[in-house]
Amino acid sequence: MAYSDSAPAQRPRRGGGRTAALGLTVILGAAGLVAVSSSASSASANSASSVVSAGQRALDNASTSSRGVTSNTINVAFPVSNLSSLASNFGFSGDAEFAAQDKAINTFVKVANANGGINGRRIHAIIVNFDPTNEAEMRADCLQWTQGTPAVFAVVDGLGSYAGDNQLCVTQEGHTPFIGQWTTTTNWTTKGAPYLWWTGPDQATILSTLVSWAKGAGLLGAGRKVAVVAGDRASDQEALKGYLLPDLKQAGIKNPLLETIPADPSDQAATGAAA
């Protein structure tokens, strides 16, 4: 998990490609680092490694709100997206696990409750189906969980489809714990600290490791050209400007070729044209 050291506000207590000529191409997209293709220890790594101890201190400042908690139950929201139904429209790769999310959640909750739940309270799973391409719907869900009724104590996204600014809606705005698989770079958990927790890897470390490996393998430097293709979403641009470009600069690459393309799944036609 990744977490961070920013001081949190108190949680509300009531509702309310190919690279034949380029040398190295890095593609940053909707899930952070999407792909690396090649032809022939950074500052961000230090930053990423330092958040562990600082993040633990941040936990001490977290709200002790009992929102979504009763004497014998605790409400936990589980956002579920049917990516299989969107595959034909947006080019997603179908996967059997998408259709099995409800069963997996109920199995997990049943086992947890059979073993005492959380501090003796049974988990009440609130499974919410949503369209990951509908930002307005996702924000409405966030506001419902963090301010509306029924109140929820936490949000858990096992597959990582509740992504981007919507994670910050739950954590930074709503001061509600969120555990999800989708990740970007360390500054994202800084914004959502101490409520934002990732089960996937912090992309800052991956980008730093990528650049270090590429330089060690002789793919960077010695006049080789470098290109970076990044999505236009805020998380992609922050990963590019705050982490990858400084990593490349430290490796001696100061002026890589930069290209920005639409990154939202609903922009498939624009993304294809730009690519």
C-alpha atoms as a PDB file:
ATOM      1  CA  MET A   1       0.000   0.000   0.000  1.00  0.00           C
ATOM      2  CA  ALA A   2       1.048   3.575  -0.531  1.00  0.00           C
ATOM      3  CA  TYR A   3       0.340   6.427   1.761  1.00  0.00           C
ATOM      4  CA  SER A   4       1.667   9.823   2.622  1.00  0.00           C
ATOM      5  CA  ASP A   5       2.471  12.543   5.111  1.00  0.00           C
ATOM      6  CA  SER A   6       0.211  15.525   4.562  1.00  0.00           C
ATOM      7  CA  ALA A   7      -1.835  16.760   7.506  1.00  0.00           C
ATOM      8  CA  PRO A   8      -5.481  15.788   6.972  1.00  0.00           C
ATOM      9  CA  ALA A   9      -8.575  17.802   7.592  1.00  0.00           C
ATOM     10  CA  GLN A  10     -11.040  16.325  10.034  1.00  0.00           C
ATOM     11  CA  ARG A  11     -13.615  13.964   8.622  1.00  0.00           C
ATOM     12  CA  PRO A  12     -17.224  15.238   8.790  1.00  0.00           C
ATOM     13  CA  ARG A  13     -19.137  13.638  11.615  1.00  0.00           C
ATOM     14  CA  ARG A  14     -22.597  14.036  10.084  1.00  0.00           C
ATOM     15  CA  GLY A  15     -23.969  13.548   6.587  1.00  0.00           C
ATOM     16  CA  GLY A  16     -24.524  16.643   4.552  1.00  0.00           C
ATOM     17  CA  GLY A  17       4.327   1.762 -29.931  1.00  0.00           C
ATOM     18  CA  ARG A  18       7.014   1.333 -32.027  1.00  0.00           C
ATOM     19  CA  THR A  19      10.391   2.978 -31.468  1.00  0.00           C
ATOM     20  CA  ALA A  20      12.647   2.100 -34.384  1.00  0.00           C
ATOM     21  CA  ALA A  21      14.059   5.637 -34.515  1.00  0.00           C
ATOM     22  CA  LEU A  22      13.315   7.026 -31.091  1.00  0.00           C
ATOM     23  CA  GLY A  23      15.423   4.840 -28.831  1.00  0.00           C
ATOM     24  CA  LEU A  24      13.060   4.766 -25.849  1.00  0.00           C
ATOM     25  CA  THR A  25       9.364   5.472 -25.687  1.00  0.00           C
ATOM     26  CA  VAL A  26       7.470   5.688 -22.419  1.00  0.00           C
ATOM     27  CA  ILE A  27       3.690   5.670 -22.538  1.00  0.00           C
ATOM     28  CA  LEU A  28       1.790   7.157 -19.627  1.00  0.00           C
ATOM     29  CA  GLY A  29      -1.921   6.501 -19.687  1.00  0.00           C
ATOM     30  CA  ALA A  30      -5.061   5.917 -17.714  1.00  0.00           C
ATOM     31  CA  ALA A  31      -3.431   3.588 -15.206  1.00  0.00           C
ATOM     32  CA  GLY A  32      -0.197   5.542 -14.919  1.00  0.00           C
ATOM     33  CA  LEU A  33       2.540   3.592 -16.698  1.00  0.00           C
ATOM     34  CA  VAL A  34       0.969   1.633 -19.546  1.00  0.00           C
ATOM     35  CA  ALA A  35       3.832   0.339 -21.692  1.00  0.00           C
ATOM     36  CA  VAL A  36       7.513   0.641 -22.447  1.00  0.00           C
ATOM     37  CA  SER A  37       9.210  -0.139 -25.740  1.00  0.00           C
ATOM     38  CA  SER A  38      12.861   0.251 -26.704  1.00  0.00           C
ATOM     39  CA  SER A  39      15.153  -0.150 -29.760  1.00  0.00           C
ATOM     40  CA  ALA A  40      18.675  -0.188 -29.317  1.00  0.00           C
ATOM     41  CA  SER A  41      18.338   6.091  -8.124  1.00  0.00           C
ATOM     42  CA  SER A  42      16.317   9.266  -8.643  1.00  0.00           C
ATOM     43  CA  ALA A  43      14.829  12.098  -6.517  1.00  0.00           C
ATOM     44  CA  SER A  44      11.307  10.738  -6.914  1.00  0.00           C
ATOM     45  CA  ALA A  45      12.422   7.335  -5.632  1.00  0.00           C
ATOM     46  CA  ASN A  46      13.741   8.980  -2.488  1.00  0.00           C
ATOM     47  CA  SER A  47      10.450  10.807  -2.098  1.00  0.00           C
ATOM     48  CA  ALA A  48       8.440   7.622  -2.548  1.00  0.00           C
ATOM     49  CA  SER A  49      10.527   5.726   0.003  1.00  0.00           C
ATOM     50  CA  SER A  50      10.209   8.452   2.606  1.00  0.00           C
ATOM     51  CA  VAL A  51       6.425   8.407   2.844  1.00  0.00           C
ATOM     52  CA  VAL A  52       6.203   5.168   4.793  1.00  0.00           C
ATOM     53  CA  SER A  53       7.284   6.500   8.196  1.00  0.00           C
ATOM     54  CA  ALA A  54       5.704   9.904   7.611  1.00  0.00           C
ATOM     55  CA  GLY A  55       2.473   8.266   6.532  1.00  0.00           C
ATOM     56  CA  GLN A  56       2.311   6.373   9.783  1.00  0.00           C
ATOM     57  CA  ARG A  57       2.474   9.692  11.646  1.00  0.00           C
ATOM     58  CA  ALA A  58      -0.349  11.024   9.468  1.00  0.00           C
ATOM     59  CA  LEU A  59      -2.576   8.164  10.603  1.00  0.00           C
ATOM     60  CA  ASP A  60      -2.432   9.529  14.122  1.00  0.00           C
ATOM     61  CA  ASN A  61      -4.212  12.641  12.850  1.00  0.00           C
ATOM     62  CA  ALA A  62      -7.041  10.821  11.114  1.00  0.00           C
ATOM     63  CA  SER A  63     -10.597  11.522  12.134  1.00  0.00           C
ATOM     64  CA  THR A  64     -12.251   9.273  14.683  1.00  0.00           C
ATOM     65  CA  SER A  65     -15.675   9.830  13.144  1.00  0.00           C
ATOM     66  CA  SER A  66     -18.216   7.094  13.676  1.00  0.00           C
ATOM     67  CA  ARG A  67     -20.037   7.876  10.417  1.00  0.00           C
ATOM     68  CA  GLY A  68     -21.429   4.643   8.958  1.00  0.00           C
ATOM     69  CA  VAL A  69     -20.763   2.736  12.193  1.00  0.00           C
ATOM     70  CA  THR A  70     -23.302   1.395  14.677  1.00  0.00           C
ATOM     71  CA  SER A  71     -22.830  -0.705  17.790  1.00  0.00           C
ATOM     72  CA  ASN A  72     -22.887  -3.897  15.747  1.00  0.00           C
ATOM     73  CA  THR A  73     -22.401  -3.000  12.048  1.00  0.00           C
ATOM     74  CA  ILE A  74     -20.087  -0.990   9.800  1.00  0.00           C
ATOM     75  CA  ASN A  75     -21.144   0.206   6.340  1.00  0.00           C
ATOM     76  CA  VAL A  76     -18.590  -0.298   3.580  1.00  0.00           C
ATOM     77  CA  ALA A  77     -19.286   0.764  -0.029  1.00  0.00           C
ATOM     78  CA  PHE A  78     -17.981  -1.471  -2.826  1.00  0.00           C
ATOM     79  CA  PRO A  79     -18.134   0.278  -6.250  1.00  0.00           C
ATOM     80  CA  VAL A  80     -18.568  -2.295  -9.016  1.00  0.00           C
ATOM     81  CA  SER A  81     -18.111  -1.553 -12.723  1.00  0.00           C
ATOM     82  CA  ASN A  82     -19.132  -3.893 -15.515  1.00  0.00           C
ATOM     83  CA  LEU A  83     -16.149  -3.374 -17.792  1.00  0.00           C
ATOM     84  CA  SER A  84     -17.151  -6.412 -19.834  1.00  0.00           C
ATOM     85  CA  SER A  85     -20.238  -4.569 -21.067  1.00  0.00           C
ATOM     86  CA  LEU A  86     -18.056  -1.634 -22.139  1.00  0.00           C
ATOM     87  CA  ALA A  87     -15.429  -3.713 -23.937  1.00  0.00           C
ATOM     88  CA  SER A  88     -17.058  -3.562 -27.363  1.00  0.00           C
ATOM     89  CA  ASN A  89     -17.618   0.196 -27.127  1.00  0.00           C
ATOM     90  CA  PHE A  90     -14.321   1.324 -25.661  1.00  0.00           C
ATOM     91  CA  GLY A  91     -11.855  -1.423 -26.537  1.00  0.00           C
ATOM     92  CA  PHE A  92     -11.391  -2.848 -23.040  1.00  0.00           C
ATOM     93  CA  SER A  93     -10.039  -6.350 -22.752  1.00  0.00           C
ATOM     94  CA  GLY A  94     -12.767  -8.522 -21.284  1.00  0.00           C
ATOM     95  CA  ASP A  95     -12.069 -10.576 -18.184  1.00  0.00           C
ATOM     96  CA  ALA A  96     -14.177 -13.144 -16.361  1.00  0.00           C
ATOM     97  CA  GLU A  97     -13.452 -11.508 -13.004  1.00  0.00           C
ATOM     98  CA  PHE A  98     -15.474  -8.426 -13.940  1.00  0.00           C
ATOM     99  CA  ALA A  99     -18.683 -10.467 -13.928  1.00  0.00           C
ATOM    100  CA  ALA A 100     -17.752 -12.151 -10.632  1.00  0.00           C
ATOM    101  CA  GLN A 101     -17.265  -9.021  -8.525  1.00  0.00           C
ATOM    102  CA  ASP A 102     -20.501  -9.268  -6.543  1.00  0.00           C
ATOM    103  CA  LYS A 103     -19.827 -12.909  -5.673  1.00  0.00           C
ATOM    104  CA  ALA A 104     -16.252 -12.093  -4.650  1.00  0.00           C
ATOM    105  CA  ILE A 105     -17.348  -9.206  -2.433  1.00  0.00           C
ATOM    106  CA  ASN A 106     -20.035 -11.248  -0.721  1.00  0.00           C
ATOM    107  CA  THR A 107     -17.593 -14.117  -0.153  1.00  0.00           C
ATOM    108  CA  PHE A 108     -15.028 -11.738   1.354  1.00  0.00           C
ATOM    109  CA  VAL A 109     -17.590 -10.097   3.608  1.00  0.00           C
ATOM    110  CA  LYS A 110     -19.000 -13.450   4.743  1.00  0.00           C
ATOM    111  CA  VAL A 111     -15.550 -14.698   5.739  1.00  0.00           C
ATOM    112  CA  ALA A 112     -14.685 -11.441   7.513  1.00  0.00           C
ATOM    113  CA  ASN A 113     -17.940 -11.444   9.448  1.00  0.00           C
ATOM    114  CA  ALA A 114     -17.524 -15.095  10.394  1.00  0.00           C
ATOM    115  CA  ASN A 115     -14.207 -14.119  11.964  1.00  0.00           C
ATOM    116  CA  GLY A 116     -15.472 -11.242  14.042  1.00  0.00           C
ATOM    117  CA  GLY A 117     -15.919  -8.551  11.412  1.00  0.00           C
ATOM    118  CA  ILE A 118     -14.181  -5.268  12.233  1.00  0.00           C
ATOM    119  CA  ASN A 119     -13.717  -4.700  15.956  1.00  0.00           C
ATOM    120  CA  GLY A 120     -16.667  -6.994  16.604  1.00  0.00           C
ATOM    121  CA  ARG A 121     -18.917  -5.237  14.090  1.00  0.00           C
ATOM    122  CA  ARG A 122     -20.331  -7.044  11.086  1.00  0.00           C
ATOM    123  CA  ILE A 123     -19.515  -5.521   7.688  1.00  0.00           C
ATOM    124  CA  HIS A 124     -22.597  -4.374   5.821  1.00  0.00           C
ATOM    125  CA  ALA A 125     -21.612  -4.391   2.159  1.00  0.00           C
ATOM    126  CA  ILE A 126     -23.206  -1.666   0.015  1.00  0.00           C
ATOM    127  CA  ILE A 127     -22.511  -2.778  -3.563  1.00  0.00           C
ATOM    128  CA  VAL A 128     -22.915   0.110  -6.015  1.00  0.00           C
ATOM    129  CA  ASN A 129     -22.860  -0.475  -9.776  1.00  0.00           C
ATOM    130  CA  PHE A 130     -21.403   2.430 -11.754  1.00  0.00           C
ATOM    131  CA  ASP A 131     -20.237   3.452 -15.219  1.00  0.00           C
ATOM    132  CA  PRO A 132     -16.484   4.286 -15.076  1.00  0.00           C
ATOM    133  CA  THR A 133     -16.878   6.534 -18.133  1.00  0.00           C
ATOM    134  CA  ASN A 134     -19.510   8.718 -16.456  1.00  0.00           C
ATOM    135  CA  GLU A 135     -17.693  11.239 -14.300  1.00  0.00           C
ATOM    136  CA  ALA A 136     -20.900  12.940 -13.126  1.00  0.00           C
ATOM    137  CA  GLU A 137     -22.297   9.612 -11.910  1.00  0.00           C
ATOM    138  CA  MET A 138     -19.073   8.746 -10.114  1.00  0.00           C
ATOM    139  CA  ARG A 139     -18.986  12.076  -8.316  1.00  0.00           C
ATOM    140  CA  ALA A 140     -22.624  11.702  -7.333  1.00  0.00           C
ATOM    141  CA  ASP A 141     -21.791   8.304  -5.814  1.00  0.00           C
ATOM    142  CA  CYS A 142     -18.897   9.871  -3.911  1.00  0.00           C
ATOM    143  CA  LEU A 143     -21.096  12.589  -2.437  1.00  0.00           C
ATOM    144  CA  GLN A 144     -23.720  10.011  -1.499  1.00  0.00           C
ATOM    145  CA  TRP A 145     -21.171   7.905   0.374  1.00  0.00           C
ATOM    146  CA  THR A 146     -19.457  10.767   2.167  1.00  0.00           C
ATOM    147  CA  GLN A 147     -22.387  13.090   2.859  1.00  0.00           C
ATOM    148  CA  GLY A 148     -25.644  11.283   2.165  1.00  0.00           C
ATOM    149  CA  THR A 149     -27.661   8.388   3.537  1.00  0.00           C
ATOM    150  CA  PRO A 150     -26.913   5.612   4.226  1.00  0.00           C
ATOM    151  CA  ALA A 151     -23.607   6.823   5.591  1.00  0.00           C
ATOM    152  CA  VAL A 152     -20.508   4.749   4.845  1.00  0.00           C
ATOM    153  CA  PHE A 153     -17.362   4.384   6.888  1.00  0.00           C
ATOM    154  CA  ALA A 154     -15.104   3.353   3.993  1.00  0.00           C
ATOM    155  CA  VAL A 155     -15.003   2.607   0.255  1.00  0.00           C
ATOM    156  CA  VAL A 156     -13.212  -0.447  -1.183  1.00  0.00           C
ATOM    157  CA  ASP A 157     -12.513  -0.806  -4.936  1.00  0.00           C
ATOM    158  CA  GLY A 158     -10.981  -4.197  -5.620  1.00  0.00           C
ATOM    159  CA  LEU A 159     -10.446  -3.894  -9.384  1.00  0.00           C
ATOM    160  CA  GLY A 160      -9.282  -0.292  -9.587  1.00  0.00           C
ATOM    161  CA  SER A 161     -11.982   1.130 -11.852  1.00  0.00           C
ATOM    162  CA  TYR A 162     -13.005   3.930  -9.469  1.00  0.00           C
ATOM    163  CA  ALA A 163     -10.069   6.088 -10.474  1.00  0.00           C
ATOM    164  CA  GLY A 164      -8.640   9.552 -10.952  1.00  0.00           C
ATOM    165  CA  ASP A 165     -10.098  12.579  -9.197  1.00  0.00           C
ATOM    166  CA  ASN A 166     -12.908  10.404  -7.881  1.00  0.00           C
ATOM    167  CA  GLN A 167     -10.498   8.893  -5.354  1.00  0.00           C
ATOM    168  CA  LEU A 168      -9.739  12.398  -4.115  1.00  0.00           C
ATOM    169  CA  CYS A 169     -13.455  13.172  -3.925  1.00  0.00           C
ATOM    170  CA  VAL A 170     -13.828  10.381  -1.372  1.00  0.00           C
ATOM    171  CA  THR A 171     -10.623  11.075   0.549  1.00  0.00           C
ATOM    172  CA  GLN A 172      -9.540  14.701   0.179  1.00  0.00           C
ATOM    173  CA  GLU A 173     -13.039  16.153   0.085  1.00  0.00           C
ATOM    174  CA  GLY A 174     -15.024  13.543   1.986  1.00  0.00           C
ATOM    175  CA  HIS A 175     -12.364  12.547   4.545  1.00  0.00           C
ATOM    176  CA  THR A 176     -13.479   8.935   4.135  1.00  0.00           C
ATOM    177  CA  PRO A 177     -11.092   5.946   3.915  1.00  0.00           C
ATOM    178  CA  PHE A 178     -10.665   4.576   0.385  1.00  0.00           C
ATOM    179  CA  ILE A 179      -8.795   1.393  -0.545  1.00  0.00           C
ATOM    180  CA  GLY A 180      -8.337   0.854  -4.272  1.00  0.00           C
ATOM    181  CA  GLN A 181      -6.081  -0.791  -6.835  1.00  0.00           C
ATOM    182  CA  TRP A 182      -5.783   2.154  -9.263  1.00  0.00           C
ATOM    183  CA  THR A 183      -2.660   4.197  -8.604  1.00  0.00           C
ATOM    184  CA  THR A 184      -0.680   7.137  -9.858  1.00  0.00           C
ATOM    185  CA  THR A 185       2.278   8.886  -8.192  1.00  0.00           C
ATOM    186  CA  THR A 186       3.071   9.770  -4.583  1.00  0.00           C
ATOM    187  CA  ASN A 187       1.571  13.257  -4.711  1.00  0.00           C
ATOM    188  CA  TRP A 188      -1.846  11.655  -5.160  1.00  0.00           C
ATOM    189  CA  THR A 189      -1.676   9.930  -1.790  1.00  0.00           C
ATOM    190  CA  THR A 190      -0.312  13.165  -0.336  1.00  0.00           C
ATOM    191  CA  LYS A 191      -3.521  14.879  -1.422  1.00  0.00           C
ATOM    192  CA  GLY A 192      -5.716  12.116  -0.023  1.00  0.00           C
ATOM    193  CA  ALA A 193      -3.719  11.370   3.137  1.00  0.00           C
ATOM    194  CA  PRO A 194      -4.301   9.669   5.421  1.00  0.00           C
ATOM    195  CA  TYR A 195      -7.481   8.265   3.897  1.00  0.00           C
ATOM    196  CA  LEU A 196      -6.172   7.101   0.500  1.00  0.00           C
ATOM    197  CA  TRP A 197      -4.644   3.612   0.390  1.00  0.00           C
ATOM    198  CA  TRP A 198      -3.486   1.728  -2.707  1.00  0.00           C
ATOM    199  CA  THR A 199      -3.144  -2.022  -3.183  1.00  0.00           C
ATOM    200  CA  GLY A 200      -1.301  -1.413  -6.487  1.00  0.00           C
ATOM    201  CA  PRO A 201       2.252  -0.006  -6.773  1.00  0.00           C
ATOM    202  CA  ASP A 202       3.081   3.682  -6.504  1.00  0.00           C
ATOM    203  CA  GLN A 203       3.942   4.702 -10.070  1.00  0.00           C
ATOM    204  CA  ALA A 204       6.682   7.080  -8.871  1.00  0.00           C
ATOM    205  CA  THR A 205       8.799   4.086  -7.900  1.00  0.00           C
ATOM    206  CA  ILE A 206       8.037   2.292 -11.168  1.00  0.00           C
ATOM    207  CA  LEU A 207       9.026   5.329 -13.256  1.00  0.00           C
ATOM    208  CA  SER A 208      12.248   5.793 -11.292  1.00  0.00           C
ATOM    209  CA  THR A 209      13.098   2.105 -11.650  1.00  0.00           C
ATOM    210  CA  LEU A 210      12.315   2.206 -15.380  1.00  0.00           C
ATOM    211  CA  VAL A 211      14.691   5.103 -16.003  1.00  0.00           C
ATOM    212  CA  SER A 212      17.407   3.514 -13.856  1.00  0.00           C
ATOM    213  CA  TRP A 213      17.048   0.202 -15.728  1.00  0.00           C
ATOM    214  CA  ALA A 214      17.022   1.889 -19.159  1.00  0.00           C
ATOM    215  CA  LYS A 215      20.180   3.833 -18.370  1.00  0.00           C
ATOM    216  CA  GLY A 216      21.929   0.725 -17.012  1.00  0.00           C
ATOM    217  CA  ALA A 217      20.877  -1.244 -20.095  1.00  0.00           C
ATOM    218  CA  GLY A 218      22.350   1.400 -22.397  1.00  0.00           C
ATOM    219  CA  LEU A 219      18.979   2.536 -23.740  1.00  0.00           C
ATOM    220  CA  LEU A 220      19.385   6.073 -22.413  1.00  0.00           C
ATOM    221  CA  GLY A 221      22.238   8.469 -23.131  1.00  0.00           C
ATOM    222  CA  ALA A 222      24.923   8.371 -25.814  1.00  0.00           C
ATOM    223  CA  GLY A 223      22.800  10.532 -28.108  1.00  0.00           C
ATOM    224  CA  ARG A 224      19.797   8.220 -28.135  1.00  0.00           C
ATOM    225  CA  LYS A 225      16.481   9.958 -28.650  1.00  0.00           C
ATOM    226  CA  VAL A 226      13.667   9.614 -26.132  1.00  0.00           C
ATOM    227  CA  ALA A 227       9.930  10.110 -26.584  1.00  0.00           C
ATOM    228  CA  VAL A 228       7.187  10.232 -23.967  1.00  0.00           C
ATOM    229  CA  VAL A 229       3.498   9.789 -24.772  1.00  0.00           C
ATOM    230  CA  ALA A 230       1.305  10.925 -21.877  1.00  0.00           C
ATOM    231  CA  GLY A 231      -2.418  11.115 -21.295  1.00  0.00           C
ATOM    232  CA  ASP A 232      -4.088  14.462 -20.805  1.00  0.00           C
ATOM    233  CA  ARG A 233      -5.604  13.633 -17.426  1.00  0.00           C
ATOM    234  CA  ALA A 234      -4.310  15.486 -14.380  1.00  0.00           C
ATOM    235  CA  SER A 235      -2.822  12.333 -12.848  1.00  0.00           C
ATOM    236  CA  ASP A 236      -0.946  11.489 -16.073  1.00  0.00           C
ATOM    237  CA  GLN A 237       0.428  15.009 -16.421  1.00  0.00           C
ATOM    238  CA  GLU A 238       1.561  15.105 -12.788  1.00  0.00           C
ATOM    239  CA  ALA A 239       3.304  11.759 -13.239  1.00  0.00           C
ATOM    240  CA  LEU A 240       5.034  13.169 -16.313  1.00  0.00           C
ATOM    241  CA  LYS A 241       6.056  16.580 -14.977  1.00  0.00           C
ATOM    242  CA  GLY A 242       6.593  15.782 -11.323  1.00  0.00           C
ATOM    243  CA  TYR A 243       8.342  12.433 -11.613  1.00  0.00           C
ATOM    244  CA  LEU A 244       9.313  11.082 -15.055  1.00  0.00           C
ATOM    245  CA  LEU A 245      10.873  14.260 -16.471  1.00  0.00           C
ATOM    246  CA  PRO A 246      12.965  14.860 -13.299  1.00  0.00           C
ATOM    247  CA  ASP A 247      14.060  11.199 -13.420  1.00  0.00           C
ATOM    248  CA  LEU A 248      15.086  11.594 -17.069  1.00  0.00           C
ATOM    249  CA  LYS A 249      16.882  14.870 -16.343  1.00  0.00           C
ATOM    250  CA  GLN A 250      18.895  13.227 -13.602  1.00  0.00           C
ATOM    251  CA  ALA A 251      19.791  10.498 -16.100  1.00  0.00           C
ATOM    252  CA  GLY A 252      21.088  13.166 -18.494  1.00  0.00           C
ATOM    253  CA  ILE A 253      18.010  13.376 -20.739  1.00  0.00           C
ATOM    254  CA  LYS A 254      16.870  16.998 -20.671  1.00  0.00           C
ATOM    255  CA  ASN A 255      14.715  17.463 -23.777  1.00  0.00           C
ATOM    256  CA  PRO A 256      12.718  14.323 -24.630  1.00  0.00           C
ATOM    257  CA  LEU A 257      10.058  14.501 -27.338  1.00  0.00           C
ATOM    258  CA  LEU A 258       6.688  14.944 -25.587  1.00  0.00           C
ATOM    259  CA  GLU A 259       3.282  14.034 -27.006  1.00  0.00           C
ATOM    260  CA  THR A 260      -0.058  14.340 -25.199  1.00  0.00           C
ATOM    261  CA  ILE A 261      -3.131  12.298 -26.152  1.00  0.00           C
ATOM    262  CA  PRO A 262      -6.693  12.023 -24.775  1.00  0.00           C
ATOM    263  CA  ALA A 263      -6.783   9.481 -21.960  1.00  0.00           C
ATOM    264  CA  ASP A 264     -10.423   9.134 -20.947  1.00  0.00           C
ATOM    265  CA  PRO A 265     -12.043   5.847 -22.053  1.00  0.00           C
ATOM    266  CA  SER A 266     -14.867   7.824 -23.670  1.00  0.00           C
ATOM    267  CA  ASP A 267     -12.321   9.550 -25.937  1.00  0.00           C
ATOM    268  CA  GLN A 268     -11.493   6.355 -27.832  1.00  0.00           C
ATOM    269  CA  ALA A 269     -11.832   7.921 -31.296  1.00  0.00           C
ATOM    270  CA  ALA A 270      -9.685  10.915 -30.339  1.00  0.00           C
ATOM    271  CA  THR A 271      -7.137   8.669 -28.647  1.00  0.00           C
ATOM    272  CA  GLY A 272      -6.897   6.452 -31.727  1.00  0.00           C
ATOM    273  CA  ALA A 273      -6.471   9.444 -34.031  1.00  0.00           C
ATOM    274  CA  ALA A 274      -3.771  10.950 -31.825  1.00  0.00           C
ATOM    275  CA  ALA A 275      -1.953   7.639 -31.527  1.00  0.00           C
END
